[in-house]
PDB file of all heavy atoms in Angstrom:
ATOM      1  N   ALA A   1      -0.220  10.565 -18.151  1.00  0.00           N
ATOM      2  CA  ALA A   1      -1.062  11.646 -17.901  1.00  0.00           C
ATOM      3  C   ALA A   1      -0.383  13.027 -17.945  1.00  0.00           C
ATOM      4  O   ALA A   1      -0.910  14.011 -18.313  1.00  0.00           O
ATOM      5  CB  ALA A   1      -1.767  11.432 -16.505  1.00  0.00           C
ATOM      6  N   ILE A   2       0.881  12.974 -17.425  1.00  0.00           N
ATOM      7  CA  ILE A   2       1.676  14.151 -17.476  1.00  0.00           C
ATOM      8  C   ILE A   2       1.906  14.611 -18.957  1.00  0.00           C
ATOM      9  O   ILE A   2       1.700  15.718 -19.197  1.00  0.00           O
ATOM     10  CB  ILE A   2       2.994  13.979 -16.714  1.00  0.00           C
ATOM     11  CG1 ILE A   2       2.713  13.725 -15.240  1.00  0.00           C
ATOM     12  CG2 ILE A   2       3.943  15.272 -16.800  1.00  0.00           C
ATOM     13  CD1 ILE A   2       4.068  13.259 -14.457  1.00  0.00           C
ATOM     14  N   GLU A   3       2.334  13.673 -19.714  1.00  0.00           N
ATOM     15  CA  GLU A   3       2.607  13.897 -21.109  1.00  0.00           C
ATOM     16  C   GLU A   3       1.359  14.519 -21.788  1.00  0.00           C
ATOM     17  O   GLU A   3       1.463  15.482 -22.565  1.00  0.00           O
ATOM     18  CB  GLU A   3       3.035  12.583 -21.788  1.00  0.00           C
ATOM     19  CG  GLU A   3       3.550  12.797 -23.188  1.00  0.00           C
ATOM     20  CD  GLU A   3       2.450  12.837 -24.271  1.00  0.00           C
ATOM     21  OE1 GLU A   3       1.314  12.180 -23.954  1.00  0.00           O
ATOM     22  OE2 GLU A   3       2.571  13.294 -25.467  1.00  0.00           O
ATOM     23  N   THR A   4       0.193  13.950 -21.633  1.00  0.00           N
ATOM     24  CA  THR A   4      -1.014  14.372 -22.248  1.00  0.00           C
ATOM     25  C   THR A   4      -1.333  15.763 -21.905  1.00  0.00           C
ATOM     26  O   THR A   4      -1.632  16.523 -22.719  1.00  0.00           O
ATOM     27  CB  THR A   4      -2.194  13.338 -21.812  1.00  0.00           C
ATOM     28  OG1 THR A   4      -1.917  12.050 -22.380  1.00  0.00           O
ATOM     29  CG2 THR A   4      -3.528  13.904 -22.533  1.00  0.00           C
ATOM     30  N   ASN A   5      -1.293  16.119 -20.608  1.00  0.00           N
ATOM     31  CA  ASN A   5      -1.770  17.374 -20.217  1.00  0.00           C
ATOM     32  C   ASN A   5      -0.730  18.526 -20.552  1.00  0.00           C
ATOM     33  O   ASN A   5      -1.152  19.580 -20.857  1.00  0.00           O
ATOM     34  CB  ASN A   5      -1.910  17.378 -18.671  1.00  0.00           C
ATOM     35  CG  ASN A   5      -3.197  16.746 -18.311  1.00  0.00           C
ATOM     36  OD1 ASN A   5      -4.349  17.057 -18.635  1.00  0.00           O
ATOM     37  ND2 ASN A   5      -3.072  15.643 -17.504  1.00  0.00           N
ATOM     38  N   ILE A   6       0.560  18.059 -20.642  1.00  0.00           N
ATOM     39  CA  ILE A   6       1.538  19.119 -21.237  1.00  0.00           C
ATOM     40  C   ILE A   6       1.220  19.299 -22.681  1.00  0.00           C
ATOM     41  O   ILE A   6       1.195  20.495 -23.176  1.00  0.00           O
ATOM     42  CB  ILE A   6       2.998  18.605 -20.976  1.00  0.00           C
ATOM     43  CG1 ILE A   6       3.327  18.691 -19.527  1.00  0.00           C
ATOM     44  CG2 ILE A   6       3.920  19.482 -21.735  1.00  0.00           C
ATOM     45  CD1 ILE A   6       4.696  18.027 -19.154  1.00  0.00           C
ATOM     46  N   ARG A   7       0.987  18.201 -23.428  1.00  0.00           N
ATOM     47  CA  ARG A   7       0.686  18.288 -24.902  1.00  0.00           C
ATOM     48  C   ARG A   7      -0.504  19.074 -25.200  1.00  0.00           C
ATOM     49  O   ARG A   7      -0.586  19.908 -26.146  1.00  0.00           O
ATOM     50  CB  ARG A   7       0.627  16.875 -25.502  1.00  0.00           C
ATOM     51  CG  ARG A   7       0.266  16.883 -26.961  1.00  0.00           C
ATOM     52  CD  ARG A   7       0.559  15.390 -27.495  1.00  0.00           C
ATOM     53  NE  ARG A   7       0.213  14.403 -26.700  1.00  0.00           N
ATOM     54  CZ  ARG A   7      -1.034  13.844 -26.565  1.00  0.00           C
ATOM     55  NH1 ARG A   7      -2.042  14.499 -27.235  1.00  0.00           N
ATOM     56  NH2 ARG A   7      -1.352  12.868 -25.717  1.00  0.00           N
ATOM     57  N   LEU A   8      -1.528  18.980 -24.306  1.00  0.00           N
ATOM     58  CA  LEU A   8      -2.778  19.704 -24.504  1.00  0.00           C
ATOM     59  C   LEU A   8      -2.814  21.075 -23.904  1.00  0.00           C
ATOM     60  O   LEU A   8      -3.781  21.706 -23.954  1.00  0.00           O
ATOM     61  CB  LEU A   8      -4.004  18.804 -23.976  1.00  0.00           C
ATOM     62  CG  LEU A   8      -4.236  17.597 -24.721  1.00  0.00           C
ATOM     63  CD1 LEU A   8      -5.327  16.743 -24.005  1.00  0.00           C
ATOM     64  CD2 LEU A   8      -4.445  17.674 -26.195  1.00  0.00           C
ATOM     65  N   ARG A   9      -1.651  21.481 -23.306  1.00  0.00           N
ATOM     66  CA  ARG A   9      -1.405  22.852 -22.846  1.00  0.00           C
ATOM     67  C   ARG A   9      -2.434  23.069 -21.663  1.00  0.00           C
ATOM     68  O   ARG A   9      -3.166  24.040 -21.663  1.00  0.00           O
ATOM     69  CB  ARG A   9      -1.495  23.853 -23.911  1.00  0.00           C
ATOM     70  CG  ARG A   9      -0.426  23.682 -24.967  1.00  0.00           C
ATOM     71  CD  ARG A   9      -0.362  24.914 -25.928  1.00  0.00           C
ATOM     72  NE  ARG A   9       0.676  24.773 -26.864  1.00  0.00           N
ATOM     73  CZ  ARG A   9       1.969  24.916 -26.782  1.00  0.00           C
ATOM     74  NH1 ARG A   9       2.442  25.368 -25.614  1.00  0.00           N
ATOM     75  NH2 ARG A   9       2.773  24.844 -27.765  1.00  0.00           N
ATOM     76  N   ARG A  10      -2.424  22.126 -20.635  1.00  0.00           N
ATOM     77  CA  ARG A  10      -3.379  22.323 -19.495  1.00  0.00           C
ATOM     78  C   ARG A  10      -2.431  22.395 -18.284  1.00  0.00           C
ATOM     79  O   ARG A  10      -2.132  21.450 -17.646  1.00  0.00           O
ATOM     80  CB  ARG A  10      -4.190  21.017 -19.375  1.00  0.00           C
ATOM     81  CG  ARG A  10      -5.160  20.825 -20.471  1.00  0.00           C
ATOM     82  CD  ARG A  10      -5.829  19.447 -20.383  1.00  0.00           C
ATOM     83  NE  ARG A  10      -6.796  19.233 -21.412  1.00  0.00           N
ATOM     84  CZ  ARG A  10      -7.373  17.989 -21.745  1.00  0.00           C
ATOM     85  NH1 ARG A  10      -6.935  16.867 -20.967  1.00  0.00           N
ATOM     86  NH2 ARG A  10      -8.181  17.855 -22.612  1.00  0.00           N
ATOM     87  N   PRO A  11      -1.908  23.680 -17.933  1.00  0.00           N
ATOM     88  CA  PRO A  11      -0.991  23.798 -16.888  1.00  0.00           C
ATOM     89  C   PRO A  11      -1.443  23.150 -15.512  1.00  0.00           C
ATOM     90  O   PRO A  11      -0.615  22.471 -14.931  1.00  0.00           O
ATOM     91  CB  PRO A  11      -0.934  25.354 -16.755  1.00  0.00           C
ATOM     92  CG  PRO A  11      -1.329  25.811 -18.157  1.00  0.00           C
ATOM     93  CD  PRO A  11      -2.338  24.885 -18.656  1.00  0.00           C
ATOM     94  N   GLN A  12      -2.651  23.514 -15.058  1.00  0.00           N
ATOM     95  CA  GLN A  12      -3.099  23.000 -13.798  1.00  0.00           C
ATOM     96  C   GLN A  12      -3.286  21.498 -13.754  1.00  0.00           C
ATOM     97  O   GLN A  12      -2.861  20.803 -12.839  1.00  0.00           O
ATOM     98  CB  GLN A  12      -4.444  23.586 -13.392  1.00  0.00           C
ATOM     99  CG  GLN A  12      -4.947  23.159 -11.978  1.00  0.00           C
ATOM    100  CD  GLN A  12      -3.908  23.605 -10.835  1.00  0.00           C
ATOM    101  OE1 GLN A  12      -3.369  24.794 -10.901  1.00  0.00           O
ATOM    102  NE2 GLN A  12      -3.558  22.668 -10.028  1.00  0.00           N
ATOM    103  N   ALA A  13      -3.734  20.923 -14.791  1.00  0.00           N
ATOM    104  CA  ALA A  13      -3.840  19.429 -14.975  1.00  0.00           C
ATOM    105  C   ALA A  13      -2.444  18.836 -15.092  1.00  0.00           C
ATOM    106  O   ALA A  13      -2.319  17.658 -14.413  1.00  0.00           O
ATOM    107  CB  ALA A  13      -4.665  19.089 -16.172  1.00  0.00           C
ATOM    108  N   ALA A  14      -1.550  19.402 -15.566  1.00  0.00           N
ATOM    109  CA  ALA A  14      -0.229  18.967 -15.639  1.00  0.00           C
ATOM    110  C   ALA A  14       0.417  18.955 -14.354  1.00  0.00           C
ATOM    111  O   ALA A  14       1.095  17.945 -13.875  1.00  0.00           O
ATOM    112  CB  ALA A  14       0.693  19.667 -16.666  1.00  0.00           C
ATOM    113  N   ARG A  15       0.195  20.017 -13.533  1.00  0.00           N
ATOM    114  CA  ARG A  15       0.703  20.213 -12.291  1.00  0.00           C
ATOM    115  C   ARG A  15       0.090  19.122 -11.307  1.00  0.00           C
ATOM    116  O   ARG A  15       0.868  18.454 -10.597  1.00  0.00           O
ATOM    117  CB  ARG A  15       0.384  21.557 -11.702  1.00  0.00           C
ATOM    118  CG  ARG A  15       0.884  21.903 -10.370  1.00  0.00           C
ATOM    119  CD  ARG A  15       0.383  23.211  -9.872  1.00  0.00           C
ATOM    120  NE  ARG A  15       0.899  24.336 -10.540  1.00  0.00           N
ATOM    121  CZ  ARG A  15       0.291  25.177 -11.389  1.00  0.00           C
ATOM    122  NH1 ARG A  15      -1.030  24.971 -11.497  1.00  0.00           N
ATOM    123  NH2 ARG A  15       0.812  26.176 -11.907  1.00  0.00           N
ATOM    124  N   ASN A  16      -1.120  18.860 -11.451  1.00  0.00           N
ATOM    125  CA  ASN A  16      -1.767  17.762 -10.674  1.00  0.00           C
ATOM    126  C   ASN A  16      -1.316  16.443 -10.931  1.00  0.00           C
ATOM    127  O   ASN A  16      -1.131  15.538 -10.108  1.00  0.00           O
ATOM    128  CB  ASN A  16      -3.340  17.890 -10.794  1.00  0.00           C
ATOM    129  CG  ASN A  16      -3.942  19.185 -10.163  1.00  0.00           C
ATOM    130  OD1 ASN A  16      -3.346  19.864  -9.375  1.00  0.00           O
ATOM    131  ND2 ASN A  16      -5.074  19.497 -10.695  1.00  0.00           N
ATOM    132  N   ALA A  17      -1.053  16.223 -12.220  1.00  0.00           N
ATOM    133  CA  ALA A  17      -0.567  14.831 -12.686  1.00  0.00           C
ATOM    134  C   ALA A  17       0.788  14.611 -12.097  1.00  0.00           C
ATOM    135  O   ALA A  17       1.061  13.501 -11.686  1.00  0.00           O
ATOM    136  CB  ALA A  17      -0.522  14.772 -14.121  1.00  0.00           C
ATOM    137  N   VAL A  18       1.630  15.649 -12.021  1.00  0.00           N
ATOM    138  CA  VAL A  18       2.966  15.447 -11.399  1.00  0.00           C
ATOM    139  C   VAL A  18       2.803  15.217  -9.868  1.00  0.00           C
ATOM    140  O   VAL A  18       3.521  14.313  -9.346  1.00  0.00           O
ATOM    141  CB  VAL A  18       3.869  16.662 -11.641  1.00  0.00           C
ATOM    142  CG1 VAL A  18       5.159  16.500 -10.809  1.00  0.00           C
ATOM    143  CG2 VAL A  18       4.175  16.770 -13.127  1.00  0.00           C
ATOM    144  N   HIS A  19       1.900  15.832  -9.230  1.00  0.00           N
ATOM    145  CA  HIS A  19       1.657  15.563  -7.752  1.00  0.00           C
ATOM    146  C   HIS A  19       1.285  14.152  -7.618  1.00  0.00           C
ATOM    147  O   HIS A  19       1.703  13.473  -6.563  1.00  0.00           O
ATOM    148  CB  HIS A  19       0.556  16.525  -7.250  1.00  0.00           C
ATOM    149  CG  HIS A  19       1.142  17.894  -6.934  1.00  0.00           C
ATOM    150  ND1 HIS A  19       2.116  18.143  -6.098  1.00  0.00           N
ATOM    151  CD2 HIS A  19       0.697  19.134  -7.443  1.00  0.00           C
ATOM    152  CE1 HIS A  19       2.402  19.417  -5.996  1.00  0.00           C
ATOM    153  NE2 HIS A  19       1.502  20.102  -6.752  1.00  0.00           N
ATOM    154  N   ARG A  20       0.452  13.661  -8.447  1.00  0.00           N
ATOM    155  CA  ARG A  20       0.060  12.218  -8.292  1.00  0.00           C
ATOM    156  C   ARG A  20       1.191  11.244  -8.505  1.00  0.00           C
ATOM    157  O   ARG A  20       1.264  10.228  -7.736  1.00  0.00           O
ATOM    158  CB  ARG A  20      -1.151  11.894  -9.333  1.00  0.00           C
ATOM    159  CG  ARG A  20      -2.523  12.579  -8.966  1.00  0.00           C
ATOM    160  CD  ARG A  20      -3.511  11.891  -9.822  1.00  0.00           C
ATOM    161  NE  ARG A  20      -3.492  12.284 -11.256  1.00  0.00           N
ATOM    162  CZ  ARG A  20      -3.918  13.283 -11.779  1.00  0.00           C
ATOM    163  NH1 ARG A  20      -4.462  14.295 -11.062  1.00  0.00           N
ATOM    164  NH2 ARG A  20      -3.815  13.466 -13.135  1.00  0.00           N
ATOM    165  N   LEU A  21       1.968  11.566  -9.426  1.00  0.00           N
ATOM    166  CA  LEU A  21       3.131  10.678  -9.690  1.00  0.00           C
ATOM    167  C   LEU A  21       4.129  10.734  -8.449  1.00  0.00           C
ATOM    168  O   LEU A  21       4.603   9.692  -8.030  1.00  0.00           O
ATOM    169  CB  LEU A  21       3.936  11.121 -10.937  1.00  0.00           C
ATOM    170  CG  LEU A  21       5.271  10.365 -11.230  1.00  0.00           C
ATOM    171  CD1 LEU A  21       5.084   8.985 -11.497  1.00  0.00           C
ATOM    172  CD2 LEU A  21       5.964  11.091 -12.316  1.00  0.00           C
ATOM    173  N   LEU A  22       4.369  11.915  -7.895  1.00  0.00           N
ATOM    174  CA  LEU A  22       5.283  12.040  -6.786  1.00  0.00           C
ATOM    175  C   LEU A  22       4.691  11.311  -5.516  1.00  0.00           C
ATOM    176  O   LEU A  22       5.380  10.750  -4.821  1.00  0.00           O
ATOM    177  CB  LEU A  22       5.525  13.546  -6.574  1.00  0.00           C
ATOM    178  CG  LEU A  22       6.312  14.286  -7.632  1.00  0.00           C
ATOM    179  CD1 LEU A  22       6.404  15.799  -7.283  1.00  0.00           C
ATOM    180  CD2 LEU A  22       7.740  13.714  -7.703  1.00  0.00           C
ATOM    181  N   ALA A  23       3.390  11.456  -5.384  1.00  0.00           N
ATOM    182  CA  ALA A  23       2.679  10.813  -4.313  1.00  0.00           C
ATOM    183  C   ALA A  23       2.866   9.261  -4.368  1.00  0.00           C
ATOM    184  O   ALA A  23       3.221   8.583  -3.327  1.00  0.00           O
ATOM    185  CB  ALA A  23       1.226  11.112  -4.136  1.00  0.00           C
ATOM    186  N   ASN A  24       2.825   8.713  -5.576  1.00  0.00           N
ATOM    187  CA  ASN A  24       3.074   7.294  -5.850  1.00  0.00           C
ATOM    188  C   ASN A  24       4.440   6.936  -5.499  1.00  0.00           C
ATOM    189  O   ASN A  24       4.660   5.840  -4.873  1.00  0.00           O
ATOM    190  CB  ASN A  24       2.768   6.956  -7.229  1.00  0.00           C
ATOM    191  CG  ASN A  24       2.838   5.525  -7.563  1.00  0.00           C
ATOM    192  OD1 ASN A  24       1.987   4.795  -7.102  1.00  0.00           O
ATOM    193  ND2 ASN A  24       3.708   5.110  -8.479  1.00  0.00           N
ATOM    194  N   THR A  25       5.398   7.773  -5.910  1.00  0.00           N
ATOM    195  CA  THR A  25       6.845   7.366  -5.566  1.00  0.00           C
ATOM    196  C   THR A  25       7.023   7.521  -4.051  1.00  0.00           C
ATOM    197  O   THR A  25       7.802   6.677  -3.548  1.00  0.00           O
ATOM    198  CB  THR A  25       7.723   8.446  -6.368  1.00  0.00           C
ATOM    199  OG1 THR A  25       7.383   8.370  -7.738  1.00  0.00           O
ATOM    200  CG2 THR A  25       9.206   8.021  -6.175  1.00  0.00           C
ATOM    201  N   ASP A  26       6.497   8.435  -3.454  1.00  0.00           N
ATOM    202  CA  ASP A  26       6.633   8.562  -1.947  1.00  0.00           C
ATOM    203  C   ASP A  26       6.086   7.277  -1.288  1.00  0.00           C
ATOM    204  O   ASP A  26       6.780   6.820  -0.373  1.00  0.00           O
ATOM    205  CB  ASP A  26       5.769   9.718  -1.466  1.00  0.00           C
ATOM    206  CG  ASP A  26       6.378  11.079  -1.808  1.00  0.00           C
ATOM    207  OD1 ASP A  26       7.622  11.153  -2.111  1.00  0.00           O
ATOM    208  OD2 ASP A  26       5.566  12.185  -1.890  1.00  0.00           O
ATOM    209  N   GLU A  27       4.973   6.653  -1.766  1.00  0.00           N
ATOM    210  CA  GLU A  27       4.532   5.487  -1.190  1.00  0.00           C
ATOM    211  C   GLU A  27       5.422   4.296  -1.356  1.00  0.00           C
ATOM    212  O   GLU A  27       5.645   3.581  -0.522  1.00  0.00           O
ATOM    213  CB  GLU A  27       3.161   5.150  -1.819  1.00  0.00           C
ATOM    214  CG  GLU A  27       2.045   6.152  -1.558  1.00  0.00           C
ATOM    215  CD  GLU A  27       0.743   5.877  -2.242  1.00  0.00           C
ATOM    216  OE1 GLU A  27       0.708   4.767  -2.856  1.00  0.00           O
ATOM    217  OE2 GLU A  27      -0.199   6.590  -2.174  1.00  0.00           O
ATOM    218  N   VAL A  28       6.133   4.251  -2.498  1.00  0.00           N
ATOM    219  CA  VAL A  28       7.031   3.190  -2.807  1.00  0.00           C
ATOM    220  C   VAL A  28       8.200   3.303  -1.814  1.00  0.00           C
ATOM    221  O   VAL A  28       8.659   2.353  -1.330  1.00  0.00           O
ATOM    222  CB  VAL A  28       7.536   3.241  -4.282  1.00  0.00           C
ATOM    223  CG1 VAL A  28       8.640   2.262  -4.459  1.00  0.00           C
ATOM    224  CG2 VAL A  28       6.366   3.010  -5.339  1.00  0.00           C
ATOM    225  N   ILE A  29       8.771   4.437  -1.740  1.00  0.00           N
ATOM    226  CA  ILE A  29       9.805   4.624  -0.753  1.00  0.00           C
ATOM    227  C   ILE A  29       9.491   4.285   0.744  1.00  0.00           C
ATOM    228  O   ILE A  29      10.209   3.704   1.402  1.00  0.00           O
ATOM    229  CB  ILE A  29      10.311   6.126  -0.854  1.00  0.00           C
ATOM    230  CG1 ILE A  29      10.886   6.455  -2.216  1.00  0.00           C
ATOM    231  CG2 ILE A  29      11.438   6.360   0.218  1.00  0.00           C
ATOM    232  CD1 ILE A  29      11.349   7.815  -2.522  1.00  0.00           C
ATOM    233  N   ALA A  30       8.266   4.731   1.085  1.00  0.00           N
ATOM    234  CA  ALA A  30       7.791   4.417   2.397  1.00  0.00           C
ATOM    235  C   ALA A  30       7.644   2.943   2.674  1.00  0.00           C
ATOM    236  O   ALA A  30       8.066   2.422   3.713  1.00  0.00           O
ATOM    237  CB  ALA A  30       6.540   5.185   2.651  1.00  0.00           C
ATOM    238  N   ARG A  31       7.122   2.248   1.632  1.00  0.00           N
ATOM    239  CA  ARG A  31       6.989   0.856   1.843  1.00  0.00           C
ATOM    240  C   ARG A  31       8.383   0.104   1.892  1.00  0.00           C
ATOM    241  O   ARG A  31       8.483  -0.952   2.590  1.00  0.00           O
ATOM    242  CB  ARG A  31       6.161   0.240   0.634  1.00  0.00           C
ATOM    243  CG  ARG A  31       4.742   0.529   0.635  1.00  0.00           C
ATOM    244  CD  ARG A  31       3.905  -0.430  -0.292  1.00  0.00           C
ATOM    245  NE  ARG A  31       4.583  -0.465  -1.659  1.00  0.00           N
ATOM    246  CZ  ARG A  31       4.008   0.341  -2.576  1.00  0.00           C
ATOM    247  NH1 ARG A  31       3.104   1.229  -2.415  1.00  0.00           N
ATOM    248  NH2 ARG A  31       4.544   0.205  -3.797  1.00  0.00           N
ATOM    249  N   SER A  32       9.315   0.643   1.203  1.00  0.00           N
ATOM    250  CA  SER A  32      10.684  -0.057   1.146  1.00  0.00           C
ATOM    251  C   SER A  32      11.379   0.066   2.591  1.00  0.00           C
ATOM    252  O   SER A  32      12.196  -0.661   2.809  1.00  0.00           O
ATOM    253  CB  SER A  32      11.505   0.632   0.057  1.00  0.00           C
ATOM    254  OG  SER A  32      11.996   1.936   0.421  1.00  0.00           O
TER     255      SER A  32
END
């Protein structure tokens, strides 16, 4: 999703996609 939004030149969508990825990683660390 990050790659797609960067490729399509959608700054806000790319920003949001990174936030979703980071939130997922935060959850993994919290579970561990």
